[in-house]
């Protein structure tokens, strides 16, 4: 379909921890993005293009199952990992969120690991770590999940119980795929209105 190559790829699909389907979170959030990116790596190389993976600002908040993230990055056996998470309580929203965060952490780490080798072939790869954005996923949250969403402060939205509009993050994607971002590679760019800085003010790397 693209014999001359691809200028860019944005892997943005995912399901939330509240989906109740832990294997789906593993398969779609992590393996879906990584396999798609690897599958078109050669096409990106033809155009010296770039790849953007959507992570999450939750990766720095310590809520993820790091052991699951390690399995994703270091073992990569989808069937085995899905069997492991099937044994967990999918009805527990905290369990679901911990698996969600694990997939997003693993994606960010995958970007960091492959960025140098991809750059040697002329392909840039970066991750964007958004905070709470107005999407069908966040709109569907109810009850305590909605309250928790509103309780997490977004400094640039101070005093408003509203999330950031998707049009704003689209600008970040547009920049990272543009020639002006040629020097940006292997970066995990937080786009959360300063929430990560608020929660991790002493952390600079």
N, C-alpha and C. Protein backbone atom coordinates (compact mmCIF):
# COMPACT_ATOMS: atom_id res chain seq x y z
N UNK A 1 0.81 -1.20 0.00
CA UNK A 1 0.00 0.00 0.00
C UNK A 1 0.85 1.26 0.00
N UNK A 2 2.05 1.18 0.55
CA UNK A 2 2.95 2.34 0.60
C UNK A 2 4.31 1.92 0.07
N UNK A 3 4.41 1.62 -1.22
CA UNK A 3 5.68 1.12 -1.76
C UNK A 3 6.84 2.09 -1.64
N UNK A 4 6.51 3.39 -1.57
CA UNK A 4 7.57 4.40 -1.47
C UNK A 4 7.95 4.71 -0.04
N UNK A 5 7.27 4.11 0.91
CA UNK A 5 7.60 4.31 2.31
C UNK A 5 6.58 5.15 3.06
N UNK A 6 6.81 5.29 4.36
CA UNK A 6 5.94 6.06 5.24
C UNK A 6 6.69 7.26 5.81
N UNK A 7 6.01 8.41 5.84
CA UNK A 7 6.60 9.59 6.48
C UNK A 7 6.52 9.49 7.99
N UNK A 8 5.47 8.86 8.49
CA UNK A 8 5.32 8.78 9.93
C UNK A 8 4.27 7.77 10.34
N UNK A 9 4.38 7.32 11.57
CA UNK A 9 3.43 6.37 12.16
C UNK A 9 3.12 6.83 13.58
N UNK A 10 1.84 6.90 13.92
CA UNK A 10 1.42 7.23 15.27
C UNK A 10 0.62 6.06 15.83
N UNK A 11 1.16 5.40 16.84
CA UNK A 11 0.48 4.27 17.49
C UNK A 11 -0.25 4.80 18.71
N UNK A 12 -1.55 4.99 18.58
CA UNK A 12 -2.31 5.70 19.59
C UNK A 12 -3.46 4.87 20.17
N UNK A 13 -3.63 3.64 19.72
CA UNK A 13 -4.75 2.82 20.18
C UNK A 13 -4.49 2.25 21.57
N UNK A 14 -5.56 2.09 22.33
CA UNK A 14 -5.40 1.50 23.65
C UNK A 14 -6.72 1.39 24.38
N UNK A 15 -6.74 0.57 25.42
CA UNK A 15 -7.92 0.43 26.27
C UNK A 15 -7.51 0.72 27.70
N UNK A 16 -8.46 1.16 28.50
CA UNK A 16 -8.16 1.57 29.87
C UNK A 16 -8.12 0.38 30.81
N UNK A 17 -7.64 0.65 32.01
CA UNK A 17 -7.60 -0.38 33.04
C UNK A 17 -8.97 -0.78 33.53
N UNK A 18 -9.96 0.07 33.24
CA UNK A 18 -11.33 -0.22 33.67
C UNK A 18 -12.08 -1.09 32.67
N UNK A 19 -11.41 -1.55 31.64
CA UNK A 19 -12.08 -2.34 30.59
C UNK A 19 -12.54 -3.70 31.10
N UNK A 20 -11.88 -4.21 32.15
CA UNK A 20 -12.24 -5.51 32.68
C UNK A 20 -11.67 -6.68 31.91
N UNK A 21 -10.83 -6.38 30.93
CA UNK A 21 -10.22 -7.43 30.10
C UNK A 21 -8.71 -7.26 30.14
N UNK A 22 -8.07 -7.89 31.11
CA UNK A 22 -6.64 -7.70 31.31
C UNK A 22 -5.80 -8.20 30.14
N UNK A 23 -6.11 -9.38 29.55
CA UNK A 23 -5.33 -9.80 28.39
C UNK A 23 -5.43 -8.83 27.22
N UNK A 24 -6.62 -8.22 27.04
CA UNK A 24 -6.78 -7.25 25.96
C UNK A 24 -5.89 -6.04 26.19
N UNK A 25 -5.77 -5.60 27.44
CA UNK A 25 -4.88 -4.47 27.75
C UNK A 25 -3.45 -4.81 27.34
N UNK A 26 -3.02 -6.01 27.66
CA UNK A 26 -1.68 -6.46 27.29
C UNK A 26 -1.51 -6.51 25.78
N UNK A 27 -2.45 -7.16 25.12
CA UNK A 27 -2.33 -7.41 23.68
C UNK A 27 -2.45 -6.15 22.85
N UNK A 28 -3.41 -5.31 23.17
CA UNK A 28 -3.63 -4.10 22.37
C UNK A 28 -2.66 -2.99 22.74
N UNK A 29 -2.56 -2.67 24.02
CA UNK A 29 -1.76 -1.52 24.42
C UNK A 29 -0.28 -1.70 24.11
N UNK A 30 0.26 -2.86 24.44
CA UNK A 30 1.70 -3.06 24.23
C UNK A 30 2.01 -3.75 22.91
N UNK A 31 1.56 -4.99 22.77
CA UNK A 31 1.95 -5.76 21.59
C UNK A 31 1.39 -5.17 20.30
N UNK A 32 0.20 -4.58 20.35
CA UNK A 32 -0.35 -3.96 19.16
C UNK A 32 0.53 -2.85 18.63
N UNK A 33 0.97 -1.97 19.53
CA UNK A 33 1.82 -0.85 19.12
C UNK A 33 3.19 -1.31 18.65
N UNK A 34 3.81 -2.19 19.42
CA UNK A 34 5.17 -2.63 19.09
C UNK A 34 5.20 -3.41 17.78
N UNK A 35 4.25 -4.30 17.60
CA UNK A 35 4.24 -5.11 16.37
C UNK A 35 3.95 -4.25 15.14
N UNK A 36 3.06 -3.29 15.29
CA UNK A 36 2.78 -2.41 14.16
C UNK A 36 4.02 -1.60 13.80
N UNK A 37 4.67 -1.04 14.82
CA UNK A 37 5.87 -0.24 14.58
C UNK A 37 6.97 -1.06 13.92
N UNK A 38 7.20 -2.25 14.44
CA UNK A 38 8.23 -3.11 13.85
C UNK A 38 7.84 -3.55 12.44
N UNK A 39 6.55 -3.73 12.22
CA UNK A 39 6.09 -4.19 10.92
C UNK A 39 6.31 -3.20 9.80
N UNK A 40 6.32 -1.90 10.13
CA UNK A 40 6.50 -0.88 9.09
C UNK A 40 7.85 -0.17 9.22
N UNK A 41 8.74 -0.73 10.03
CA UNK A 41 10.05 -0.10 10.22
C UNK A 41 10.76 0.11 8.88
N UNK A 42 10.70 -0.87 8.00
CA UNK A 42 11.35 -0.75 6.70
C UNK A 42 10.75 0.36 5.86
N UNK A 43 9.42 0.53 5.94
CA UNK A 43 8.76 1.59 5.19
C UNK A 43 9.13 2.96 5.74
N UNK A 44 9.27 3.06 7.04
CA UNK A 44 9.71 4.32 7.65
C UNK A 44 11.13 4.65 7.23
N UNK A 45 11.97 3.63 7.13
CA UNK A 45 13.36 3.84 6.74
C UNK A 45 13.45 4.41 5.32
N UNK A 46 12.57 3.98 4.45
CA UNK A 46 12.60 4.47 3.06
C UNK A 46 12.43 5.98 2.98
N UNK A 47 11.60 6.54 3.86
CA UNK A 47 11.31 7.97 3.84
C UNK A 47 12.03 8.73 4.96
N UNK A 48 12.89 8.00 5.70
CA UNK A 48 13.53 8.61 6.87
C UNK A 48 12.46 9.24 7.76
N UNK A 49 11.45 8.46 8.03
CA UNK A 49 10.30 8.96 8.77
C UNK A 49 10.47 8.84 10.27
N UNK A 50 9.34 8.88 10.96
CA UNK A 50 9.38 8.84 12.42
C UNK A 50 8.19 8.05 12.95
N UNK A 51 8.34 7.58 14.16
CA UNK A 51 7.30 6.81 14.82
C UNK A 51 7.02 7.43 16.18
N UNK A 52 5.74 7.56 16.51
CA UNK A 52 5.34 8.08 17.82
C UNK A 52 4.48 7.03 18.51
N UNK A 53 4.85 6.70 19.73
CA UNK A 53 4.11 5.74 20.55
C UNK A 53 3.43 6.51 21.68
N UNK A 54 2.14 6.27 21.89
CA UNK A 54 1.44 6.93 22.99
C UNK A 54 1.62 6.13 24.28
N UNK A 55 2.26 6.75 25.26
CA UNK A 55 2.45 6.15 26.58
C UNK A 55 1.43 6.79 27.52
N UNK A 56 1.82 7.15 28.72
CA UNK A 56 0.93 7.80 29.68
C UNK A 56 1.76 8.45 30.77
N UNK A 57 1.27 9.58 31.30
CA UNK A 57 2.02 10.22 32.38
C UNK A 57 1.96 9.42 33.67
N UNK A 58 1.11 8.39 33.72
CA UNK A 58 1.04 7.55 34.92
C UNK A 58 2.29 6.70 35.11
N UNK A 59 3.15 6.62 34.09
CA UNK A 59 4.34 5.76 34.20
C UNK A 59 5.29 6.24 35.28
N UNK A 60 5.19 7.49 35.70
CA UNK A 60 6.10 8.02 36.71
C UNK A 60 5.47 8.07 38.10
N UNK A 61 4.26 7.53 38.24
CA UNK A 61 3.54 7.67 39.50
C UNK A 61 3.55 6.41 40.35
N UNK A 62 4.31 5.39 39.93
CA UNK A 62 4.51 4.21 40.76
C UNK A 62 3.32 3.30 40.93
N UNK A 63 2.34 3.40 40.03
CA UNK A 63 1.13 2.59 40.18
C UNK A 63 1.12 1.35 39.31
N UNK A 64 2.17 1.13 38.55
CA UNK A 64 2.17 0.02 37.60
C UNK A 64 2.82 -1.24 38.15
N UNK A 65 2.47 -2.36 37.57
CA UNK A 65 3.10 -3.63 37.91
C UNK A 65 4.42 -3.71 37.14
N UNK A 66 5.51 -3.35 37.83
CA UNK A 66 6.81 -3.33 37.16
C UNK A 66 7.22 -4.74 36.71
N UNK A 67 6.79 -5.76 37.44
CA UNK A 67 7.13 -7.12 37.04
C UNK A 67 6.50 -7.47 35.69
N UNK A 68 5.27 -6.99 35.46
CA UNK A 68 4.62 -7.23 34.17
C UNK A 68 5.33 -6.44 33.07
N UNK A 69 5.72 -5.21 33.38
CA UNK A 69 6.46 -4.41 32.40
C UNK A 69 7.77 -5.09 32.02
N UNK A 70 8.44 -5.68 33.02
CA UNK A 70 9.70 -6.38 32.75
C UNK A 70 9.47 -7.59 31.85
N UNK A 71 8.38 -8.30 32.08
CA UNK A 71 8.07 -9.44 31.22
C UNK A 71 7.80 -8.98 29.79
N UNK A 72 7.09 -7.89 29.65
CA UNK A 72 6.78 -7.37 28.31
C UNK A 72 8.06 -7.01 27.56
N UNK A 73 8.95 -6.29 28.22
CA UNK A 73 10.17 -5.81 27.56
C UNK A 73 11.22 -6.90 27.38
N UNK A 74 11.34 -7.78 28.35
CA UNK A 74 12.47 -8.71 28.36
C UNK A 74 12.14 -10.12 27.89
N UNK A 75 10.89 -10.52 28.01
CA UNK A 75 10.48 -11.86 27.57
C UNK A 75 9.67 -11.77 26.28
N UNK A 76 8.66 -10.91 26.29
CA UNK A 76 7.89 -10.67 25.07
C UNK A 76 7.01 -11.80 24.62
N UNK A 77 6.67 -12.72 25.52
CA UNK A 77 5.82 -13.85 25.17
C UNK A 77 4.37 -13.46 25.48
N UNK A 78 3.65 -13.03 24.46
CA UNK A 78 2.30 -12.52 24.66
C UNK A 78 1.37 -13.54 25.30
N UNK A 79 1.39 -14.76 24.80
CA UNK A 79 0.50 -15.80 25.32
C UNK A 79 0.77 -16.06 26.79
N UNK A 80 2.03 -16.17 27.16
CA UNK A 80 2.38 -16.45 28.55
C UNK A 80 1.95 -15.31 29.46
N UNK A 81 2.21 -14.08 29.04
CA UNK A 81 1.88 -12.93 29.88
C UNK A 81 0.37 -12.79 30.02
N UNK A 82 -0.37 -13.05 28.95
CA UNK A 82 -1.83 -12.99 29.03
C UNK A 82 -2.36 -14.05 29.99
N UNK A 83 -1.75 -15.23 30.01
CA UNK A 83 -2.17 -16.27 30.94
C UNK A 83 -1.91 -15.84 32.38
N UNK A 84 -0.82 -15.13 32.60
CA UNK A 84 -0.50 -14.65 33.95
C UNK A 84 -1.54 -13.65 34.43
N UNK A 85 -1.87 -12.67 33.59
CA UNK A 85 -2.82 -11.63 34.03
C UNK A 85 -4.25 -12.15 34.11
N UNK A 86 -4.55 -13.25 33.42
CA UNK A 86 -5.89 -13.85 33.53
C UNK A 86 -6.18 -14.30 34.96
N UNK A 87 -5.14 -14.59 35.72
CA UNK A 87 -5.30 -15.09 37.08
C UNK A 87 -5.55 -13.96 38.08
N UNK A 88 -5.44 -12.72 37.62
CA UNK A 88 -5.66 -11.57 38.49
C UNK A 88 -7.14 -11.19 38.49
N UNK A 89 -7.52 -10.37 39.46
CA UNK A 89 -8.92 -9.95 39.59
C UNK A 89 -9.21 -8.80 38.64
N UNK A 90 -9.81 -9.11 37.51
CA UNK A 90 -10.09 -8.10 36.49
C UNK A 90 -11.17 -7.12 36.94
N UNK A 91 -11.96 -7.49 37.96
CA UNK A 91 -13.02 -6.61 38.43
C UNK A 91 -12.49 -5.52 39.35
N UNK A 92 -11.28 -5.70 39.84
CA UNK A 92 -10.65 -4.71 40.72
C UNK A 92 -10.03 -3.62 39.86
N UNK A 93 -10.57 -2.41 39.96
CA UNK A 93 -10.11 -1.32 39.10
C UNK A 93 -8.64 -1.00 39.33
N UNK A 94 -8.16 -1.22 40.56
CA UNK A 94 -6.75 -0.95 40.85
C UNK A 94 -5.84 -1.95 40.15
N UNK A 95 -6.29 -3.19 40.07
CA UNK A 95 -5.53 -4.21 39.34
C UNK A 95 -5.49 -3.85 37.86
N UNK A 96 -6.64 -3.49 37.32
CA UNK A 96 -6.70 -3.09 35.91
C UNK A 96 -5.81 -1.92 35.61
N UNK A 97 -5.83 -0.92 36.48
CA UNK A 97 -4.99 0.26 36.26
C UNK A 97 -3.51 -0.09 36.35
N UNK A 98 -3.16 -1.02 37.26
CA UNK A 98 -1.75 -1.39 37.40
C UNK A 98 -1.24 -2.09 36.14
N UNK A 99 -2.10 -2.87 35.48
CA UNK A 99 -1.72 -3.52 34.23
C UNK A 99 -1.64 -2.50 33.11
N UNK A 100 -2.59 -1.57 33.09
CA UNK A 100 -2.57 -0.49 32.10
C UNK A 100 -1.27 0.30 32.18
N UNK A 101 -0.92 0.71 33.40
CA UNK A 101 0.30 1.49 33.58
C UNK A 101 1.53 0.67 33.20
N UNK A 102 1.51 -0.63 33.49
CA UNK A 102 2.64 -1.49 33.12
C UNK A 102 2.85 -1.50 31.62
N UNK A 103 1.75 -1.57 30.85
CA UNK A 103 1.90 -1.57 29.39
C UNK A 103 2.45 -0.25 28.90
N UNK A 104 2.02 0.85 29.50
CA UNK A 104 2.49 2.16 29.07
C UNK A 104 3.95 2.40 29.47
N UNK A 105 4.33 1.87 30.64
CA UNK A 105 5.73 1.95 31.06
C UNK A 105 6.61 1.15 30.10
N UNK A 106 6.14 -0.05 29.76
CA UNK A 106 6.90 -0.90 28.85
C UNK A 106 7.05 -0.26 27.48
N UNK A 107 6.01 0.44 27.02
CA UNK A 107 6.10 1.13 25.73
C UNK A 107 7.16 2.23 25.77
N UNK A 108 7.16 3.02 26.84
CA UNK A 108 8.15 4.09 26.96
C UNK A 108 9.56 3.52 27.00
N UNK A 109 9.73 2.42 27.72
CA UNK A 109 11.06 1.80 27.80
C UNK A 109 11.45 1.19 26.46
N UNK A 110 10.49 0.62 25.74
CA UNK A 110 10.78 0.08 24.41
C UNK A 110 11.29 1.19 23.48
N UNK A 111 10.64 2.34 23.54
CA UNK A 111 11.07 3.48 22.72
C UNK A 111 12.51 3.85 23.04
N UNK A 112 12.83 3.93 24.31
CA UNK A 112 14.19 4.28 24.71
C UNK A 112 15.20 3.25 24.21
N UNK A 113 14.83 1.99 24.30
CA UNK A 113 15.77 0.92 23.92
C UNK A 113 16.05 0.89 22.42
N UNK A 114 15.04 1.11 21.60
CA UNK A 114 15.24 0.96 20.15
C UNK A 114 15.65 2.25 19.46
N UNK A 115 15.57 3.38 20.17
CA UNK A 115 15.77 4.67 19.51
C UNK A 115 17.13 4.81 18.83
N UNK A 116 18.19 4.31 19.45
CA UNK A 116 19.52 4.45 18.85
C UNK A 116 19.67 3.61 17.59
N UNK A 117 19.22 2.36 17.64
CA UNK A 117 19.35 1.50 16.47
C UNK A 117 18.46 1.97 15.33
N UNK A 118 17.30 2.49 15.65
CA UNK A 118 16.43 3.02 14.60
C UNK A 118 17.02 4.29 14.00
N UNK A 119 17.61 5.12 14.84
CA UNK A 119 18.21 6.36 14.35
C UNK A 119 19.35 6.07 13.38
N UNK A 120 20.06 4.98 13.61
CA UNK A 120 21.15 4.60 12.71
C UNK A 120 20.64 4.30 11.31
N UNK A 121 19.35 3.99 11.21
CA UNK A 121 18.72 3.72 9.92
C UNK A 121 17.93 4.93 9.43
N UNK A 122 18.04 6.03 10.17
CA UNK A 122 17.38 7.26 9.74
C UNK A 122 15.96 7.43 10.22
N UNK A 123 15.54 6.61 11.19
CA UNK A 123 14.16 6.67 11.69
C UNK A 123 14.16 7.14 13.13
N UNK A 124 13.38 8.17 13.41
CA UNK A 124 13.24 8.65 14.79
C UNK A 124 12.05 7.96 15.45
N UNK A 125 12.16 7.71 16.75
CA UNK A 125 11.05 7.13 17.49
C UNK A 125 10.97 7.81 18.85
N UNK A 126 9.79 8.28 19.19
CA UNK A 126 9.55 8.99 20.45
C UNK A 126 8.25 8.51 21.07
N UNK A 127 8.08 8.85 22.33
CA UNK A 127 6.83 8.54 23.03
C UNK A 127 6.23 9.83 23.56
N UNK A 128 4.92 9.89 23.55
CA UNK A 128 4.20 10.99 24.18
C UNK A 128 3.45 10.42 25.38
N UNK A 129 3.60 11.08 26.53
CA UNK A 129 2.97 10.61 27.77
C UNK A 129 1.91 11.61 28.20
N UNK A 130 0.70 11.46 27.69
CA UNK A 130 -0.35 12.43 28.02
C UNK A 130 -0.94 12.21 29.40
N UNK A 131 -1.51 13.27 29.93
CA UNK A 131 -2.30 13.16 31.14
C UNK A 131 -3.74 12.90 30.76
N UNK A 132 -4.66 13.42 31.53
CA UNK A 132 -6.08 13.17 31.27
C UNK A 132 -6.59 14.04 30.13
N UNK A 133 -7.01 13.38 29.06
CA UNK A 133 -7.49 14.04 27.86
C UNK A 133 -8.97 13.72 27.66
N UNK A 134 -9.69 14.64 27.07
CA UNK A 134 -11.10 14.41 26.76
C UNK A 134 -11.21 13.40 25.61
N UNK A 135 -11.48 12.16 25.97
CA UNK A 135 -11.62 11.09 24.97
C UNK A 135 -12.82 10.22 25.36
N UNK A 136 -13.30 9.37 24.45
CA UNK A 136 -14.37 8.44 24.83
C UNK A 136 -14.00 7.57 26.02
N UNK A 137 -12.68 7.26 26.16
CA UNK A 137 -12.24 6.43 27.28
C UNK A 137 -12.48 7.12 28.61
N UNK A 138 -12.09 8.39 28.72
CA UNK A 138 -12.27 9.11 29.98
C UNK A 138 -13.73 9.51 30.19
N UNK A 139 -14.44 9.76 29.11
CA UNK A 139 -15.86 10.13 29.22
C UNK A 139 -16.69 8.99 29.80
N UNK A 140 -16.27 7.76 29.53
CA UNK A 140 -17.03 6.59 29.97
C UNK A 140 -16.85 6.28 31.45
N UNK A 141 -15.86 6.90 32.09
CA UNK A 141 -15.61 6.60 33.50
C UNK A 141 -16.76 7.11 34.37
N UNK A 142 -17.14 6.33 35.36
CA UNK A 142 -18.26 6.66 36.23
C UNK A 142 -17.86 6.56 37.69
N UNK A 143 -18.66 7.16 38.56
CA UNK A 143 -18.52 7.00 40.00
C UNK A 143 -17.17 7.38 40.55
N UNK A 144 -16.59 6.46 41.35
CA UNK A 144 -15.32 6.73 42.02
C UNK A 144 -14.19 6.95 41.03
N UNK A 145 -14.27 6.27 39.87
CA UNK A 145 -13.23 6.46 38.86
C UNK A 145 -13.26 7.88 38.33
N UNK A 146 -14.47 8.42 38.12
CA UNK A 146 -14.60 9.80 37.65
C UNK A 146 -14.12 10.77 38.72
N UNK A 147 -14.45 10.51 39.99
CA UNK A 147 -14.00 11.37 41.08
C UNK A 147 -12.48 11.38 41.17
N UNK A 148 -11.86 10.21 41.02
CA UNK A 148 -10.40 10.12 41.07
C UNK A 148 -9.78 10.89 39.92
N UNK A 149 -10.43 10.84 38.77
CA UNK A 149 -9.93 11.56 37.60
C UNK A 149 -9.91 13.06 37.87
N UNK A 150 -10.99 13.57 38.43
CA UNK A 150 -11.08 15.00 38.72
C UNK A 150 -10.20 15.42 39.88
N UNK A 151 -9.87 14.47 40.76
CA UNK A 151 -9.06 14.80 41.94
C UNK A 151 -7.59 15.00 41.58
N UNK A 152 -7.14 14.40 40.48
CA UNK A 152 -5.75 14.55 40.08
C UNK A 152 -5.56 15.92 39.44
N UNK A 153 -4.79 16.80 40.06
CA UNK A 153 -4.71 18.17 39.57
C UNK A 153 -3.95 18.31 38.26
N UNK A 154 -4.46 19.14 37.39
CA UNK A 154 -3.76 19.54 36.18
C UNK A 154 -3.44 21.02 36.35
N UNK A 155 -2.20 21.36 36.69
CA UNK A 155 -1.86 22.75 37.03
C UNK A 155 -2.33 23.78 36.01
N UNK A 156 -2.21 23.48 34.72
CA UNK A 156 -2.62 24.46 33.72
C UNK A 156 -4.14 24.57 33.60
N UNK A 157 -4.86 23.67 34.26
CA UNK A 157 -6.33 23.72 34.25
C UNK A 157 -6.84 24.00 35.66
N UNK A 158 -6.04 24.68 36.47
CA UNK A 158 -6.36 24.89 37.88
C UNK A 158 -7.73 25.54 38.05
N UNK A 159 -8.52 24.97 38.96
CA UNK A 159 -9.84 25.51 39.25
C UNK A 159 -10.93 25.03 38.31
N UNK A 160 -10.58 24.18 37.37
CA UNK A 160 -11.57 23.68 36.42
C UNK A 160 -11.64 22.15 36.53
N UNK A 161 -12.83 21.63 36.63
CA UNK A 161 -12.99 20.17 36.63
C UNK A 161 -13.20 19.71 35.19
N UNK A 162 -12.20 19.97 34.37
CA UNK A 162 -12.28 19.56 32.97
C UNK A 162 -10.91 19.07 32.53
N UNK A 163 -10.91 18.25 31.51
CA UNK A 163 -9.68 17.67 31.00
C UNK A 163 -9.18 18.45 29.80
N UNK A 164 -7.97 18.12 29.37
CA UNK A 164 -7.39 18.82 28.23
C UNK A 164 -8.03 18.34 26.93
N UNK A 165 -8.30 19.25 26.01
CA UNK A 165 -8.92 18.86 24.73
C UNK A 165 -7.94 18.12 23.84
N UNK A 166 -8.42 17.17 23.05
CA UNK A 166 -7.54 16.38 22.18
C UNK A 166 -6.82 17.21 21.13
N UNK A 167 -7.40 18.36 20.76
CA UNK A 167 -6.76 19.20 19.74
C UNK A 167 -5.38 19.66 20.18
N UNK A 168 -5.19 19.82 21.48
CA UNK A 168 -3.89 20.29 21.96
C UNK A 168 -2.81 19.23 21.79
N UNK A 169 -3.12 17.99 22.10
CA UNK A 169 -2.11 16.95 21.95
C UNK A 169 -1.85 16.64 20.48
N UNK A 170 -2.83 16.91 19.63
CA UNK A 170 -2.61 16.73 18.19
C UNK A 170 -1.46 17.61 17.71
N UNK A 171 -1.34 18.79 18.32
CA UNK A 171 -0.23 19.68 17.96
C UNK A 171 1.12 19.10 18.32
N UNK A 172 1.18 18.35 19.42
CA UNK A 172 2.43 17.70 19.81
C UNK A 172 2.81 16.63 18.80
N UNK A 173 1.84 15.84 18.39
CA UNK A 173 2.10 14.83 17.36
C UNK A 173 2.58 15.48 16.06
N UNK A 174 1.92 16.59 15.69
CA UNK A 174 2.30 17.28 14.45
C UNK A 174 3.74 17.77 14.53
N UNK A 175 4.13 18.30 15.69
CA UNK A 175 5.50 18.79 15.84
C UNK A 175 6.50 17.64 15.75
N UNK A 176 6.25 16.55 16.46
CA UNK A 176 7.20 15.44 16.49
C UNK A 176 7.37 14.77 15.13
N UNK A 177 6.37 14.88 14.28
CA UNK A 177 6.49 14.31 12.94
C UNK A 177 7.03 15.31 11.92
N UNK A 178 7.31 16.52 12.35
CA UNK A 178 7.75 17.57 11.43
C UNK A 178 9.27 17.63 11.31
N UNK A 179 9.79 18.26 10.25
CA UNK A 179 11.24 18.43 10.09
C UNK A 179 11.87 19.22 11.24
N UNK A 180 11.07 20.08 11.88
CA UNK A 180 11.59 20.88 12.99
C UNK A 180 11.98 20.03 14.19
N UNK A 181 11.51 18.79 14.23
CA UNK A 181 11.80 17.90 15.37
C UNK A 181 12.87 16.87 15.02
N UNK A 182 13.69 17.15 14.02
CA UNK A 182 14.70 16.18 13.60
C UNK A 182 15.67 15.81 14.71
N UNK A 183 15.87 16.71 15.67
CA UNK A 183 16.80 16.42 16.77
C UNK A 183 16.17 15.71 17.94
N UNK A 184 14.90 15.40 17.85
CA UNK A 184 14.19 14.75 18.96
C UNK A 184 14.08 13.26 18.68
N UNK A 185 14.74 12.45 19.50
CA UNK A 185 14.72 11.00 19.32
C UNK A 185 14.91 10.31 20.66
N UNK A 186 14.15 9.25 20.88
CA UNK A 186 14.25 8.52 22.13
C UNK A 186 13.69 9.28 23.31
N UNK A 187 12.85 10.25 23.04
CA UNK A 187 12.32 11.11 24.08
C UNK A 187 10.94 10.65 24.54
N UNK A 188 10.67 10.77 25.84
CA UNK A 188 9.34 10.55 26.37
C UNK A 188 8.81 11.92 26.78
N UNK A 189 7.93 12.47 25.97
CA UNK A 189 7.45 13.84 26.18
C UNK A 189 6.16 13.83 26.99
N UNK A 190 6.22 14.38 28.19
CA UNK A 190 5.02 14.47 29.02
C UNK A 190 4.15 15.63 28.54
N UNK A 191 2.87 15.33 28.36
CA UNK A 191 1.89 16.33 27.95
C UNK A 191 0.71 16.22 28.91
N UNK A 192 0.87 16.82 30.07
CA UNK A 192 -0.13 16.63 31.12
C UNK A 192 -0.40 17.90 31.91
N UNK A 193 -0.11 19.04 31.31
CA UNK A 193 -0.38 20.30 31.99
C UNK A 193 0.49 20.54 33.20
N UNK A 194 1.56 19.79 33.35
CA UNK A 194 2.46 19.96 34.48
C UNK A 194 2.19 19.04 35.65
N UNK A 195 1.31 18.05 35.46
CA UNK A 195 0.97 17.14 36.56
C UNK A 195 2.18 16.32 37.00
N UNK A 196 2.94 15.81 36.05
CA UNK A 196 4.12 15.02 36.42
C UNK A 196 5.12 15.87 37.19
N UNK A 197 5.30 17.12 36.77
CA UNK A 197 6.22 18.01 37.48
C UNK A 197 5.73 18.29 38.90
N UNK A 198 4.42 18.40 39.06
CA UNK A 198 3.85 18.64 40.39
C UNK A 198 4.08 17.45 41.31
N UNK A 199 3.87 16.24 40.78
CA UNK A 199 3.99 15.04 41.60
C UNK A 199 5.42 14.56 41.77
N UNK A 200 6.30 14.98 40.86
CA UNK A 200 7.70 14.54 40.90
C UNK A 200 8.63 15.74 40.73
N UNK A 201 8.45 16.75 41.57
CA UNK A 201 9.15 18.02 41.38
C UNK A 201 10.66 17.92 41.55
N UNK A 202 11.16 16.90 42.24
CA UNK A 202 12.60 16.76 42.44
C UNK A 202 13.25 15.86 41.39
N UNK A 203 12.43 15.27 40.55
CA UNK A 203 12.94 14.34 39.55
C UNK A 203 13.16 15.07 38.23
N UNK A 204 14.41 15.07 37.76
CA UNK A 204 14.71 15.78 36.52
C UNK A 204 14.99 14.83 35.37
N UNK A 205 15.10 13.55 35.64
CA UNK A 205 15.35 12.57 34.58
C UNK A 205 14.71 11.25 34.95
